[in-house]
C-alpha atoms as a PDB file:
ATOM      1  CA  UNK A   1      -0.683  28.713   3.970  1.00  0.00           C
ATOM      2  CA  UNK A   2       0.750  26.280   6.504  1.00  0.00           C
ATOM      3  CA  UNK A   3       4.198  24.678   6.618  1.00  0.00           C
ATOM      4  CA  UNK A   4       2.870  21.212   5.795  1.00  0.00           C
ATOM      5  CA  UNK A   5       1.615  22.504   2.397  1.00  0.00           C
ATOM      6  CA  UNK A   6       5.099  23.407   1.090  1.00  0.00           C
ATOM      7  CA  UNK A   7       6.504  21.213  -1.653  1.00  0.00           C
ATOM      8  CA  UNK A   8      10.062  19.854  -1.613  1.00  0.00           C
ATOM      9  CA  UNK A   9      12.498  22.636  -2.490  1.00  0.00           C
ATOM     10  CA  UNK A  10      10.127  25.496  -1.664  1.00  0.00           C
ATOM     11  CA  UNK A  11      11.067  28.171   0.867  1.00  0.00           C
ATOM     12  CA  UNK A  12       8.872  30.258   3.135  1.00  0.00           C
ATOM     13  CA  UNK A  13       8.984  32.700   6.025  1.00  0.00           C
ATOM     14  CA  UNK A  14       7.157  31.809   9.241  1.00  0.00           C
ATOM     15  CA  UNK A  15       4.295  34.227   9.990  1.00  0.00           C
ATOM     16  CA  UNK A  16       2.960  32.667  13.191  1.00  0.00           C
ATOM     17  CA  UNK A  17       3.257  29.559  15.328  1.00  0.00           C
ATOM     18  CA  UNK A  18       0.013  28.037  16.554  1.00  0.00           C
ATOM     19  CA  UNK A  19      -0.670  25.221  18.933  1.00  0.00           C
ATOM     20  CA  UNK A  20      -1.135  25.484  22.647  1.00  0.00           C
ATOM     21  CA  UNK A  21       0.901  24.993  25.777  1.00  0.00           C
ATOM     22  CA  UNK A  22       3.917  22.729  25.603  1.00  0.00           C
ATOM     23  CA  UNK A  23       3.585  22.032  21.872  1.00  0.00           C
ATOM     24  CA  UNK A  24       3.842  25.731  20.985  1.00  0.00           C
ATOM     25  CA  UNK A  25       6.775  26.220  23.355  1.00  0.00           C
ATOM     26  CA  UNK A  26       8.559  23.183  21.906  1.00  0.00           C
ATOM     27  CA  UNK A  27       8.142  24.518  18.345  1.00  0.00           C
ATOM     28  CA  UNK A  28       9.483  27.921  19.393  1.00  0.00           C
ATOM     29  CA  UNK A  29      12.411  26.295  21.241  1.00  0.00           C
ATOM     30  CA  UNK A  30      13.333  24.424  18.049  1.00  0.00           C
ATOM     31  CA  UNK A  31      13.830  27.776  16.300  1.00  0.00           C
ATOM     32  CA  UNK A  32      10.477  27.987  14.546  1.00  0.00           C
ATOM     33  CA  UNK A  33       9.770  31.616  15.354  1.00  0.00           C
ATOM     34  CA  UNK A  34       8.101  34.335  13.259  1.00  0.00           C
ATOM     35  CA  UNK A  35      10.215  35.901  10.467  1.00  0.00           C
ATOM     36  CA  UNK A  36      12.445  32.792  10.254  1.00  0.00           C
ATOM     37  CA  UNK A  37      13.088  31.328   6.793  1.00  0.00           C
ATOM     38  CA  UNK A  38      12.508  27.620   6.276  1.00  0.00           C
ATOM     39  CA  UNK A  39      12.937  25.305   3.286  1.00  0.00           C
ATOM     40  CA  UNK A  40      11.189  21.984   2.744  1.00  0.00           C
ATOM     41  CA  UNK A  41      13.900  19.345   2.297  1.00  0.00           C
ATOM     42  CA  UNK A  42      12.060  16.001   2.269  1.00  0.00           C
ATOM     43  CA  UNK A  43       8.620  14.506   2.721  1.00  0.00           C
ATOM     44  CA  UNK A  44       8.321  10.855   3.740  1.00  0.00           C
ATOM     45  CA  UNK A  45       6.584   8.546   1.231  1.00  0.00           C
ATOM     46  CA  UNK A  46       3.363   8.460   3.247  1.00  0.00           C
ATOM     47  CA  UNK A  47       3.473  12.251   3.804  1.00  0.00           C
ATOM     48  CA  UNK A  48       4.609  12.157   7.424  1.00  0.00           C
ATOM     49  CA  UNK A  49       7.114  13.205   8.798  1.00  0.00           C
ATOM     50  CA  UNK A  50       8.534  16.261   7.005  1.00  0.00           C
ATOM     51  CA  UNK A  51      12.141  17.435   7.032  1.00  0.00           C
ATOM     52  CA  UNK A  52      12.855  21.163   6.846  1.00  0.00           C
ATOM     53  CA  UNK A  53      15.999  23.281   6.812  1.00  0.00           C
ATOM     54  CA  UNK A  54      15.842  26.016   9.454  1.00  0.00           C
ATOM     55  CA  UNK A  55      18.602  28.154  10.992  1.00  0.00           C
ATOM     56  CA  UNK A  56      21.400  26.028   9.507  1.00  0.00           C
ATOM     57  CA  UNK A  57      20.153  22.584  10.539  1.00  0.00           C
ATOM     58  CA  UNK A  58      17.694  19.922   9.430  1.00  0.00           C
ATOM     59  CA  UNK A  59      14.568  19.479  11.549  1.00  0.00           C
ATOM     60  CA  UNK A  60      12.024  16.673  11.262  1.00  0.00           C
ATOM     61  CA  UNK A  61       8.413  17.440  12.203  1.00  0.00           C
ATOM     62  CA  UNK A  62       5.164  15.557  12.178  1.00  0.00           C
ATOM     63  CA  UNK A  63       2.786  16.869   9.514  1.00  0.00           C
ATOM     64  CA  UNK A  64       0.207  17.491  12.254  1.00  0.00           C
ATOM     65  CA  UNK A  65       2.617  19.874  14.018  1.00  0.00           C
ATOM     66  CA  UNK A  66       3.711  21.554  10.773  1.00  0.00           C
ATOM     67  CA  UNK A  67       0.044  22.312  10.036  1.00  0.00           C
ATOM     68  CA  UNK A  68       0.026  24.651  13.053  1.00  0.00           C
ATOM     69  CA  UNK A  69       2.718  26.919  11.548  1.00  0.00           C
ATOM     70  CA  UNK A  70       1.550  29.693   9.209  1.00  0.00           C
ATOM     71  CA  UNK A  71       4.042  30.641   6.475  1.00  0.00           C
ATOM     72  CA  UNK A  72       4.379  32.998   3.502  1.00  0.00           C
ATOM     73  CA  UNK A  73       6.074  31.571   0.401  1.00  0.00           C
ATOM     74  CA  UNK A  74       9.292  33.311  -0.702  1.00  0.00           C
ATOM     75  CA  UNK A  75      12.183  32.933  -3.159  1.00  0.00           C
ATOM     76  CA  UNK A  76      14.212  29.696  -2.978  1.00  0.00           C
ATOM     77  CA  UNK A  77      17.605  31.157  -2.080  1.00  0.00           C
ATOM     78  CA  UNK A  78      18.301  29.363   1.205  1.00  0.00           C
END
């Protein structure tokens, strides 16, 4: 499952970060690294962008970028 498939309120743990070159490095620099818990906070009315809670802050991502992040669903206790 990818990050863009989470519904509002659902939590997951990042399994892997895809993408290539600068995009992948930018995602990793933003704290989106394997074994990190994330929670979907908001999805814009047209489905893009997405807002997630990660490492104590809110992060907004394009759905296209979120689709490159593999996650495993987990309990909603963030």
